[in-house]
PDB file of N, CA and C in Angstrom:
ATOM      1  N   UNK A   1     -21.695 -14.704 -26.310  1.00  0.00           N
ATOM      2  CA  UNK A   1     -20.424 -13.624 -26.064  1.00  0.00           C
ATOM      3  C   UNK A   1     -20.129 -13.575 -27.535  1.00  0.00           C
ATOM      4  N   UNK A   2     -19.311 -12.544 -27.854  1.00  0.00           N
ATOM      5  CA  UNK A   2     -19.010 -12.241 -28.964  1.00  0.00           C
ATOM      6  C   UNK A   2     -18.245 -13.343 -29.870  1.00  0.00           C
ATOM      7  N   UNK A   3     -17.940 -12.924 -31.092  1.00  0.00           N
ATOM      8  CA  UNK A   3     -16.597 -14.225 -31.711  1.00  0.00           C
ATOM      9  C   UNK A   3     -15.345 -13.548 -30.846  1.00  0.00           C
ATOM     10  N   UNK A   4     -14.781 -14.765 -30.881  1.00  0.00           N
ATOM     11  CA  UNK A   4     -13.163 -14.660 -30.717  1.00  0.00           C
ATOM     12  C   UNK A   4     -12.282 -13.706 -31.479  1.00  0.00           C
ATOM     13  N   UNK A   5     -11.705 -12.753 -30.831  1.00  0.00           N
ATOM     14  CA  UNK A   5     -11.057 -11.602 -31.751  1.00  0.00           C
ATOM     15  C   UNK A   5      -9.875 -12.007 -32.210  1.00  0.00           C
ATOM     16  N   UNK A   6      -9.911 -13.433 -33.320  1.00  0.00           N
ATOM     17  CA  UNK A   6      -8.744 -13.906 -33.901  1.00  0.00           C
ATOM     18  C   UNK A   6      -7.953 -13.107 -34.425  1.00  0.00           C
ATOM     19  N   UNK A   7      -8.428 -11.801 -34.737  1.00  0.00           N
ATOM     20  CA  UNK A   7      -7.350 -10.928 -35.320  1.00  0.00           C
ATOM     21  C   UNK A   7      -6.620  -9.772 -34.687  1.00  0.00           C
ATOM     22  N   UNK A   8      -6.314  -9.836 -33.573  1.00  0.00           N
ATOM     23  CA  UNK A   8      -5.466  -9.210 -32.252  1.00  0.00           C
ATOM     24  C   UNK A   8      -4.178  -9.784 -32.253  1.00  0.00           C
ATOM     25  N   UNK A   9      -2.918  -9.191 -32.185  1.00  0.00           N
ATOM     26  CA  UNK A   9      -1.842  -8.898 -32.156  1.00  0.00           C
ATOM     27  C   UNK A   9      -1.269 -10.207 -31.006  1.00  0.00           C
ATOM     28  N   UNK A  10      -1.822  -9.942 -29.901  1.00  0.00           N
ATOM     29  CA  UNK A  10      -2.072 -10.832 -28.830  1.00  0.00           C
ATOM     30  C   UNK A  10      -2.321 -12.219 -29.000  1.00  0.00           C
ATOM     31  N   UNK A  11      -3.355 -12.694 -30.091  1.00  0.00           N
ATOM     32  CA  UNK A  11      -3.356 -13.948 -30.476  1.00  0.00           C
ATOM     33  C   UNK A  11      -2.510 -14.048 -31.316  1.00  0.00           C
ATOM     34  N   UNK A  12      -2.026 -13.462 -32.289  1.00  0.00           N
ATOM     35  CA  UNK A  12      -1.445 -14.188 -33.367  1.00  0.00           C
ATOM     36  C   UNK A  12       0.000 -14.410 -33.022  1.00  0.00           C
ATOM     37  N   UNK A  13       0.575 -13.762 -31.600  1.00  0.00           N
ATOM     38  CA  UNK A  13       2.002 -14.054 -31.012  1.00  0.00           C
ATOM     39  C   UNK A  13       1.624 -15.276 -30.494  1.00  0.00           C
ATOM     40  N   UNK A  14       0.420 -15.527 -29.870  1.00  0.00           N
ATOM     41  CA  UNK A  14       0.158 -16.695 -29.158  1.00  0.00           C
ATOM     42  C   UNK A  14      -0.114 -17.935 -29.863  1.00  0.00           C
ATOM     43  N   UNK A  15      -0.702 -17.608 -31.261  1.00  0.00           N
ATOM     44  CA  UNK A  15      -0.711 -18.579 -32.298  1.00  0.00           C
ATOM     45  C   UNK A  15       0.809 -19.191 -33.083  1.00  0.00           C
ATOM     46  N   UNK A  16       1.043 -18.176 -33.038  1.00  0.00           N
ATOM     47  CA  UNK A  16       2.759 -18.699 -33.936  1.00  0.00           C
ATOM     48  C   UNK A  16       3.598 -19.205 -32.723  1.00  0.00           C
ATOM     49  N   UNK A  17       3.611 -18.971 -31.176  1.00  0.00           N
ATOM     50  CA  UNK A  17       4.115 -19.971 -30.524  1.00  0.00           C
ATOM     51  C   UNK A  17       3.718 -21.284 -30.300  1.00  0.00           C
ATOM     52  N   UNK A  18       2.410 -21.621 -30.233  1.00  0.00           N
ATOM     53  CA  UNK A  18       1.877 -22.911 -30.445  1.00  0.00           C
ATOM     54  C   UNK A  18       2.725 -23.574 -31.007  1.00  0.00           C
ATOM     55  N   UNK A  19       2.051 -22.995 -32.735  1.00  0.00           N
ATOM     56  CA  UNK A  19       2.467 -23.432 -33.956  1.00  0.00           C
ATOM     57  C   UNK A  19       3.984 -24.180 -34.016  1.00  0.00           C
ATOM     58  N   UNK A  20       4.815 -23.212 -33.041  1.00  0.00           N
ATOM     59  CA  UNK A  20       6.242 -23.572 -33.133  1.00  0.00           C
ATOM     60  C   UNK A  20       6.267 -24.685 -31.551  1.00  0.00           C
ATOM     61  N   UNK A  21       5.942 -24.529 -30.803  1.00  0.00           N
ATOM     62  CA  UNK A  21       6.074 -25.568 -30.175  1.00  0.00           C
ATOM     63  C   UNK A  21       5.126 -27.183 -30.672  1.00  0.00           C
ATOM     64  N   UNK A  22       4.457 -26.971 -31.121  1.00  0.00           N
ATOM     65  CA  UNK A  22       3.595 -28.058 -31.196  1.00  0.00           C
ATOM     66  C   UNK A  22       3.066 -27.996 -33.108  1.00  0.00           C
ATOM     67  N   UNK A  23       4.176 -28.439 -34.075  1.00  0.00           N
ATOM     68  CA  UNK A  23       4.073 -28.302 -35.251  1.00  0.00           C
ATOM     69  C   UNK A  23       3.159 -29.336 -35.983  1.00  0.00           C
ATOM     70  N   UNK A  24       3.384 -30.495 -35.335  1.00  0.00           N
ATOM     71  CA  UNK A  24       2.389 -31.469 -36.011  1.00  0.00           C
ATOM     72  C   UNK A  24       0.797 -31.286 -35.413  1.00  0.00           C
ATOM     73  N   UNK A  25      -0.394 -32.035 -35.865  1.00  0.00           N
ATOM     74  CA  UNK A  25      -1.971 -32.561 -35.892  1.00  0.00           C
ATOM     75  C   UNK A  25      -1.933 -33.331 -34.136  1.00  0.00           C
ATOM     76  N   UNK A  26      -1.981 -32.696 -33.411  1.00  0.00           N
ATOM     77  CA  UNK A  26      -2.360 -33.690 -32.140  1.00  0.00           C
ATOM     78  C   UNK A  26      -3.058 -34.607 -32.346  1.00  0.00           C
ATOM     79  N   UNK A  27      -4.610 -34.540 -33.166  1.00  0.00           N
ATOM     80  CA  UNK A  27      -5.493 -35.722 -33.232  1.00  0.00           C
ATOM     81  C   UNK A  27      -4.342 -37.061 -34.371  1.00  0.00           C
ATOM     82  N   UNK A  28      -3.693 -36.557 -35.412  1.00  0.00           N
ATOM     83  CA  UNK A  28      -3.273 -37.195 -36.539  1.00  0.00           C
ATOM     84  C   UNK A  28      -2.421 -38.007 -36.133  1.00  0.00           C
ATOM     85  N   UNK A  29      -1.523 -37.153 -34.877  1.00  0.00           N
ATOM     86  CA  UNK A  29      -0.507 -38.108 -34.132  1.00  0.00           C
ATOM     87  C   UNK A  29      -1.123 -39.359 -33.142  1.00  0.00           C
ATOM     88  N   UNK A  30      -2.051 -38.988 -32.828  1.00  0.00           N
ATOM     89  CA  UNK A  30      -2.289 -40.066 -31.378  1.00  0.00           C
ATOM     90  C   UNK A  30      -3.287 -41.397 -33.042  1.00  0.00           C
ATOM     91  N   UNK A  31      -3.259 -41.122 -34.009  1.00  0.00           N
ATOM     92  CA  UNK A  31      -3.180 -42.158 -34.897  1.00  0.00           C
ATOM     93  C   UNK A  31      -2.628 -42.794 -35.662  1.00  0.00           C
ATOM     94  N   UNK A  32      -0.965 -42.009 -35.470  1.00  0.00           N
ATOM     95  CA  UNK A  32      -0.244 -42.748 -36.213  1.00  0.00           C
ATOM     96  C   UNK A  32       0.248 -41.802 -37.489  1.00  0.00           C
ATOM     97  N   UNK A  33      -0.084 -40.823 -37.751  1.00  0.00           N
ATOM     98  CA  UNK A  33       0.046 -39.960 -39.123  1.00  0.00           C
ATOM     99  C   UNK A  33       0.137 -38.752 -38.528  1.00  0.00           C
ATOM    100  N   UNK A  34       1.345 -38.247 -39.351  1.00  0.00           N
ATOM    101  CA  UNK A  34       2.247 -37.281 -39.314  1.00  0.00           C
ATOM    102  C   UNK A  34       1.991 -35.784 -39.897  1.00  0.00           C
ATOM    103  N   UNK A  35       0.978 -35.179 -39.905  1.00  0.00           N
ATOM    104  CA  UNK A  35       0.559 -33.819 -40.059  1.00  0.00           C
ATOM    105  C   UNK A  35       0.684 -32.266 -39.909  1.00  0.00           C
ATOM    106  N   UNK A  36       1.353 -31.550 -41.151  1.00  0.00           N
ATOM    107  CA  UNK A  36       1.746 -30.467 -40.373  1.00  0.00           C
ATOM    108  C   UNK A  36       0.297 -29.651 -39.921  1.00  0.00           C
ATOM    109  N   UNK A  37       0.088 -28.884 -38.573  1.00  0.00           N
ATOM    110  CA  UNK A  37      -0.598 -28.333 -37.994  1.00  0.00           C
ATOM    111  C   UNK A  37      -1.094 -26.779 -38.209  1.00  0.00           C
ATOM    112  N   UNK A  38      -2.077 -26.326 -38.462  1.00  0.00           N
ATOM    113  CA  UNK A  38      -2.188 -25.368 -39.402  1.00  0.00           C
ATOM    114  C   UNK A  38      -3.366 -24.572 -38.568  1.00  0.00           C
ATOM    115  N   UNK A  39      -4.029 -24.757 -37.710  1.00  0.00           N
ATOM    116  CA  UNK A  39      -4.750 -24.269 -37.022  1.00  0.00           C
ATOM    117  C   UNK A  39      -4.835 -24.613 -35.260  1.00  0.00           C
ATOM    118  N   UNK A  40      -4.737 -23.319 -34.595  1.00  0.00           N
ATOM    119  CA  UNK A  40      -4.524 -23.679 -33.186  1.00  0.00           C
ATOM    120  C   UNK A  40      -5.839 -23.747 -32.719  1.00  0.00           C
ATOM    121  N   UNK A  41      -6.132 -24.560 -31.613  1.00  0.00           N
ATOM    122  CA  UNK A  41      -7.762 -24.662 -31.051  1.00  0.00           C
ATOM    123  C   UNK A  41      -7.247 -24.743 -29.418  1.00  0.00           C
ATOM    124  N   UNK A  42      -8.970 -24.093 -29.336  1.00  0.00           N
ATOM    125  CA  UNK A  42      -8.949 -24.086 -27.982  1.00  0.00           C
ATOM    126  C   UNK A  42      -9.516 -25.501 -27.432  1.00  0.00           C
ATOM    127  N   UNK A  43      -8.989 -26.469 -26.159  1.00  0.00           N
ATOM    128  CA  UNK A  43      -9.354 -27.599 -26.013  1.00  0.00           C
ATOM    129  C   UNK A  43     -11.035 -27.318 -25.320  1.00  0.00           C
ATOM    130  N   UNK A  44     -10.834 -26.499 -24.287  1.00  0.00           N
ATOM    131  CA  UNK A  44     -12.486 -26.256 -24.076  1.00  0.00           C
ATOM    132  C   UNK A  44     -12.590 -24.647 -24.380  1.00  0.00           C
ATOM    133  N   UNK A  45     -13.529 -24.836 -25.225  1.00  0.00           N
ATOM    134  CA  UNK A  45     -13.842 -23.586 -26.044  1.00  0.00           C
ATOM    135  C   UNK A  45     -13.786 -22.181 -25.193  1.00  0.00           C
ATOM    136  N   UNK A  46     -13.027 -20.789 -25.631  1.00  0.00           N
ATOM    137  CA  UNK A  46     -13.327 -20.040 -25.616  1.00  0.00           C
ATOM    138  C   UNK A  46     -14.856 -19.405 -24.746  1.00  0.00           C
ATOM    139  N   UNK A  47     -16.128 -19.776 -25.196  1.00  0.00           N
ATOM    140  CA  UNK A  47     -17.491 -19.492 -24.769  1.00  0.00           C
ATOM    141  C   UNK A  47     -17.332 -19.735 -23.446  1.00  0.00           C
ATOM    142  N   UNK A  48     -16.815 -21.421 -23.135  1.00  0.00           N
ATOM    143  CA  UNK A  48     -17.054 -22.068 -22.030  1.00  0.00           C
ATOM    144  C   UNK A  48     -15.751 -21.496 -21.026  1.00  0.00           C
ATOM    145  N   UNK A  49     -14.956 -21.342 -21.390  1.00  0.00           N
ATOM    146  CA  UNK A  49     -13.565 -20.578 -20.268  1.00  0.00           C
ATOM    147  C   UNK A  49     -12.882 -19.508 -20.877  1.00  0.00           C
ATOM    148  N   UNK A  50     -13.544 -18.287 -20.759  1.00  0.00           N
ATOM    149  CA  UNK A  50     -12.919 -17.184 -21.352  1.00  0.00           C
ATOM    150  C   UNK A  50     -11.665 -16.754 -20.833  1.00  0.00           C
ATOM    151  N   UNK A  51     -11.285 -16.934 -19.172  1.00  0.00           N
ATOM    152  CA  UNK A  51      -9.925 -16.941 -18.793  1.00  0.00           C
ATOM    153  C   UNK A  51      -9.048 -18.047 -19.477  1.00  0.00           C
ATOM    154  N   UNK A  52      -9.223 -18.910 -20.052  1.00  0.00           N
ATOM    155  CA  UNK A  52      -8.135 -20.010 -20.420  1.00  0.00           C
ATOM    156  C   UNK A  52      -7.945 -19.350 -21.757  1.00  0.00           C
ATOM    157  N   UNK A  53      -8.160 -18.512 -22.437  1.00  0.00           N
ATOM    158  CA  UNK A  53      -7.877 -18.291 -23.956  1.00  0.00           C
ATOM    159  C   UNK A  53      -6.968 -18.121 -24.495  1.00  0.00           C
ATOM    160  N   UNK A  54      -5.699 -17.308 -23.462  1.00  0.00           N
ATOM    161  CA  UNK A  54      -4.321 -17.637 -23.920  1.00  0.00           C
ATOM    162  C   UNK A  54      -3.382 -18.632 -23.350  1.00  0.00           C
ATOM    163  N   UNK A  55      -4.406 -19.338 -22.174  1.00  0.00           N
ATOM    164  CA  UNK A  55      -3.754 -20.353 -21.350  1.00  0.00           C
ATOM    165  C   UNK A  55      -2.934 -21.871 -22.378  1.00  0.00           C
ATOM    166  N   UNK A  56      -1.189 -21.669 -22.483  1.00  0.00           N
ATOM    167  CA  UNK A  56      -0.704 -22.653 -23.154  1.00  0.00           C
ATOM    168  C   UNK A  56      -1.648 -24.243 -23.150  1.00  0.00           C
ATOM    169  N   UNK A  57      -1.810 -24.387 -21.799  1.00  0.00           N
ATOM    170  CA  UNK A  57      -2.648 -25.769 -21.420  1.00  0.00           C
ATOM    171  C   UNK A  57      -3.671 -26.100 -22.044  1.00  0.00           C
ATOM    172  N   UNK A  58      -4.510 -25.147 -22.612  1.00  0.00           N
ATOM    173  CA  UNK A  58      -5.889 -24.981 -23.241  1.00  0.00           C
ATOM    174  C   UNK A  58      -5.566 -25.270 -24.784  1.00  0.00           C
ATOM    175  N   UNK A  59      -4.243 -25.068 -25.033  1.00  0.00           N
ATOM    176  CA  UNK A  59      -4.347 -24.756 -26.457  1.00  0.00           C
ATOM    177  C   UNK A  59      -3.941 -26.360 -27.427  1.00  0.00           C
ATOM    178  N   UNK A  60      -4.521 -26.323 -28.546  1.00  0.00           N
ATOM    179  CA  UNK A  60      -3.803 -27.423 -29.345  1.00  0.00           C
ATOM    180  C   UNK A  60      -3.603 -27.167 -30.608  1.00  0.00           C
ATOM    181  N   UNK A  61      -2.688 -27.582 -31.310  1.00  0.00           N
ATOM    182  CA  UNK A  61      -2.432 -27.743 -32.726  1.00  0.00           C
ATOM    183  C   UNK A  61      -3.018 -28.974 -33.775  1.00  0.00           C
ATOM    184  N   UNK A  62      -3.851 -28.451 -34.567  1.00  0.00           N
ATOM    185  CA  UNK A  62      -4.449 -29.296 -35.403  1.00  0.00           C
ATOM    186  C   UNK A  62      -4.288 -29.409 -37.008  1.00  0.00           C
ATOM    187  N   UNK A  63      -4.207 -29.917 -37.731  1.00  0.00           N
ATOM    188  CA  UNK A  63      -4.635 -29.795 -39.181  1.00  0.00           C
ATOM    189  C   UNK A  63      -5.898 -29.146 -39.421  1.00  0.00           C
ATOM    190  N   UNK A  64      -6.114 -28.623 -40.233  1.00  0.00           N
ATOM    191  CA  UNK A  64      -7.353 -28.147 -40.672  1.00  0.00           C
ATOM    192  C   UNK A  64      -8.688 -29.072 -40.560  1.00  0.00           C
ATOM    193  N   UNK A  65      -8.081 -30.219 -41.289  1.00  0.00           N
ATOM    194  CA  UNK A  65      -9.318 -31.405 -41.530  1.00  0.00           C
ATOM    195  C   UNK A  65      -9.711 -31.619 -39.906  1.00  0.00           C
ATOM    196  N   UNK A  66      -8.493 -32.207 -39.052  1.00  0.00           N
ATOM    197  CA  UNK A  66      -9.427 -32.157 -38.011  1.00  0.00           C
ATOM    198  C   UNK A  66     -10.049 -31.412 -37.124  1.00  0.00           C
ATOM    199  N   UNK A  67      -9.714 -30.192 -37.636  1.00  0.00           N
ATOM    200  CA  UNK A  67     -10.310 -29.199 -36.651  1.00  0.00           C
ATOM    201  C   UNK A  67     -11.711 -29.160 -36.851  1.00  0.00           C
ATOM    202  N   UNK A  68     -11.858 -29.042 -38.177  1.00  0.00           N
ATOM    203  CA  UNK A  68     -12.845 -28.714 -39.027  1.00  0.00           C
ATOM    204  C   UNK A  68     -14.106 -29.633 -39.072  1.00  0.00           C
ATOM    205  N   UNK A  69     -13.278 -31.043 -39.450  1.00  0.00           N
ATOM    206  CA  UNK A  69     -14.261 -32.035 -39.559  1.00  0.00           C
ATOM    207  C   UNK A  69     -14.655 -32.994 -37.950  1.00  0.00           C
ATOM    208  N   UNK A  70     -13.501 -32.880 -37.245  1.00  0.00           N
ATOM    209  CA  UNK A  70     -13.870 -33.870 -36.132  1.00  0.00           C
ATOM    210  C   UNK A  70     -13.747 -33.254 -34.522  1.00  0.00           C
ATOM    211  N   UNK A  71     -13.113 -31.931 -34.770  1.00  0.00           N
ATOM    212  CA  UNK A  71     -12.921 -31.322 -33.199  1.00  0.00           C
ATOM    213  C   UNK A  71     -14.590 -30.550 -33.159  1.00  0.00           C
ATOM    214  N   UNK A  72     -14.884 -29.531 -34.313  1.00  0.00           N
ATOM    215  CA  UNK A  72     -16.323 -29.119 -34.089  1.00  0.00           C
ATOM    216  C   UNK A  72     -17.326 -29.676 -34.112  1.00  0.00           C
ATOM    217  N   UNK A  73     -17.332 -31.165 -34.779  1.00  0.00           N
ATOM    218  CA  UNK A  73     -18.697 -32.218 -34.336  1.00  0.00           C
ATOM    219  C   UNK A  73     -18.517 -32.481 -33.191  1.00  0.00           C
ATOM    220  N   UNK A  74     -17.413 -32.513 -32.709  1.00  0.00           N
ATOM    221  CA  UNK A  74     -17.487 -32.992 -31.024  1.00  0.00           C
ATOM    222  C   UNK A  74     -17.935 -31.882 -29.899  1.00  0.00           C
ATOM    223  N   UNK A  75     -17.550 -30.556 -30.218  1.00  0.00           N
ATOM    224  CA  UNK A  75     -18.373 -29.199 -30.151  1.00  0.00           C
ATOM    225  C   UNK A  75     -19.789 -29.474 -29.790  1.00  0.00           C
ATOM    226  N   UNK A  76     -20.369 -29.938 -31.312  1.00  0.00           N
ATOM    227  CA  UNK A  76     -21.922 -29.822 -31.187  1.00  0.00           C
ATOM    228  C   UNK A  76     -22.393 -31.162 -30.683  1.00  0.00           C
ATOM    229  N   UNK A  77     -21.865 -31.448 -29.971  1.00  0.00           N
ATOM    230  CA  UNK A  77     -22.769 -32.667 -28.775  1.00  0.00           C
ATOM    231  C   UNK A  77     -22.094 -34.249 -29.347  1.00  0.00           C
ATOM    232  N   UNK A  78     -21.351 -34.353 -30.198  1.00  0.00           N
ATOM    233  CA  UNK A  78     -21.271 -35.888 -31.028  1.00  0.00           C
ATOM    234  C   UNK A  78     -19.600 -36.077 -30.511  1.00  0.00           C
ATOM    235  N   UNK A  79     -19.444 -37.577 -30.405  1.00  0.00           N
ATOM    236  CA  UNK A  79     -18.608 -37.876 -29.876  1.00  0.00           C
ATOM    237  C   UNK A  79     -17.094 -37.642 -30.769  1.00  0.00           C
ATOM    238  N   UNK A  80     -15.968 -38.002 -29.736  1.00  0.00           N
ATOM    239  CA  UNK A  80     -14.842 -37.951 -31.668  1.00  0.00           C
ATOM    240  C   UNK A  80     -15.197 -39.600 -31.534  1.00  0.00           C
ATOM    241  N   UNK A  81     -14.687 -40.118 -32.963  1.00  0.00           N
ATOM    242  CA  UNK A  81     -14.865 -40.934 -33.168  1.00  0.00           C
ATOM    243  C   UNK A  81     -12.974 -41.889 -33.430  1.00  0.00           C
ATOM    244  N   UNK A  82     -13.357 -42.971 -33.299  1.00  0.00           N
ATOM    245  CA  UNK A  82     -11.828 -43.300 -33.136  1.00  0.00           C
ATOM    246  C   UNK A  82     -11.061 -43.882 -31.920  1.00  0.00           C
ATOM    247  N   UNK A  83      -9.802 -44.595 -32.020  1.00  0.00           N
ATOM    248  CA  UNK A  83      -9.051 -45.058 -31.157  1.00  0.00           C
ATOM    249  C   UNK A  83      -7.565 -44.658 -31.568  1.00  0.00           C
ATOM    250  N   UNK A  84      -6.783 -44.514 -30.627  1.00  0.00           N
ATOM    251  CA  UNK A  84      -5.707 -43.980 -30.673  1.00  0.00           C
ATOM    252  C   UNK A  84      -4.659 -45.335 -30.934  1.00  0.00           C
ATOM    253  N   UNK A  85      -3.023 -45.102 -31.228  1.00  0.00           N
ATOM    254  CA  UNK A  85      -2.487 -45.979 -31.928  1.00  0.00           C
ATOM    255  C   UNK A  85      -2.061 -47.285 -30.566  1.00  0.00           C
ATOM    256  N   UNK A  86      -2.865 -46.892 -29.099  1.00  0.00           N
ATOM    257  CA  UNK A  86      -3.264 -47.715 -27.923  1.00  0.00           C
ATOM    258  C   UNK A  86      -4.004 -48.694 -27.658  1.00  0.00           C
ATOM    259  N   UNK A  87      -5.081 -48.045 -28.143  1.00  0.00           N
ATOM    260  CA  UNK A  87      -6.187 -48.496 -28.317  1.00  0.00           C
ATOM    261  C   UNK A  87      -7.449 -47.526 -27.758  1.00  0.00           C
ATOM    262  N   UNK A  88      -6.997 -46.993 -26.943  1.00  0.00           N
ATOM    263  CA  UNK A  88      -7.570 -45.901 -26.148  1.00  0.00           C
ATOM    264  C   UNK A  88      -8.877 -45.308 -27.094  1.00  0.00           C
ATOM    265  N   UNK A  89      -9.644 -44.840 -26.386  1.00  0.00           N
ATOM    266  CA  UNK A  89     -10.662 -43.339 -27.053  1.00  0.00           C
ATOM    267  C   UNK A  89     -10.216 -42.567 -27.313  1.00  0.00           C
ATOM    268  N   UNK A  90     -10.419 -41.696 -28.549  1.00  0.00           N
ATOM    269  CA  UNK A  90      -9.977 -40.811 -28.979  1.00  0.00           C
ATOM    270  C   UNK A  90     -10.455 -39.190 -27.968  1.00  0.00           C
ATOM    271  N   UNK A  91     -11.352 -39.396 -28.058  1.00  0.00           N
ATOM    272  CA  UNK A  91     -12.630 -38.359 -27.386  1.00  0.00           C
ATOM    273  C   UNK A  91     -12.379 -38.524 -25.842  1.00  0.00           C
ATOM    274  N   UNK A  92     -11.796 -37.595 -25.624  1.00  0.00           N
ATOM    275  CA  UNK A  92     -11.321 -37.356 -23.860  1.00  0.00           C
ATOM    276  C   UNK A  92     -12.617 -37.450 -23.007  1.00  0.00           C
ATOM    277  N   UNK A  93     -13.608 -37.520 -23.706  1.00  0.00           N
ATOM    278  CA  UNK A  93     -15.208 -37.691 -22.701  1.00  0.00           C
ATOM    279  C   UNK A  93     -15.540 -38.731 -22.804  1.00  0.00           C
ATOM    280  N   UNK A  94     -14.974 -39.950 -23.263  1.00  0.00           N
ATOM    281  CA  UNK A  94     -15.393 -41.213 -23.110  1.00  0.00           C
ATOM    282  C   UNK A  94     -15.064 -42.118 -21.712  1.00  0.00           C
ATOM    283  N   UNK A  95     -16.424 -42.670 -21.434  1.00  0.00           N
ATOM    284  CA  UNK A  95     -16.129 -42.820 -20.018  1.00  0.00           C
ATOM    285  C   UNK A  95     -14.941 -43.737 -19.322  1.00  0.00           C
ATOM    286  N   UNK A  96     -14.316 -44.107 -20.675  1.00  0.00           N
ATOM    287  CA  UNK A  96     -12.902 -44.951 -20.263  1.00  0.00           C
ATOM    288  C   UNK A  96     -12.027 -44.433 -19.677  1.00  0.00           C
ATOM    289  N   UNK A  97     -11.576 -42.919 -19.723  1.00  0.00           N
ATOM    290  CA  UNK A  97     -11.259 -42.084 -19.746  1.00  0.00           C
ATOM    291  C   UNK A  97     -11.346 -41.484 -18.050  1.00  0.00           C
ATOM    292  N   UNK A  98     -12.331 -42.186 -17.360  1.00  0.00           N
ATOM    293  CA  UNK A  98     -12.864 -41.557 -15.688  1.00  0.00           C
ATOM    294  C   UNK A  98     -12.159 -42.435 -15.015  1.00  0.00           C
ATOM    295  N   UNK A  99     -12.105 -41.510 -13.782  1.00  0.00           N
ATOM    296  CA  UNK A  99     -11.147 -42.660 -12.678  1.00  0.00           C
ATOM    297  C   UNK A  99     -10.000 -42.688 -12.915  1.00  0.00           C
TER     298      UNK A  99
END
């Protein structure tokens, strides 16, 4: 699949709406830190679910550090390290989240 066309008007509008709805980094909030979000991330990557590219339920706001370091590492097959303030693993694929 070709690279996602981030330069389209439709994506610019979707991105702006997402950052307006969720202005803080979702991953940072899970560990008790408030950081401004700069990146709109597809929870399920576009290459796996192109039909969900504009689905608001498939979008999350992240800071650049969380996106570039943690989310991309997770997509490359590594788990997402750490736990939330409640002690739950941050990685949604962790077996504790099953069932």
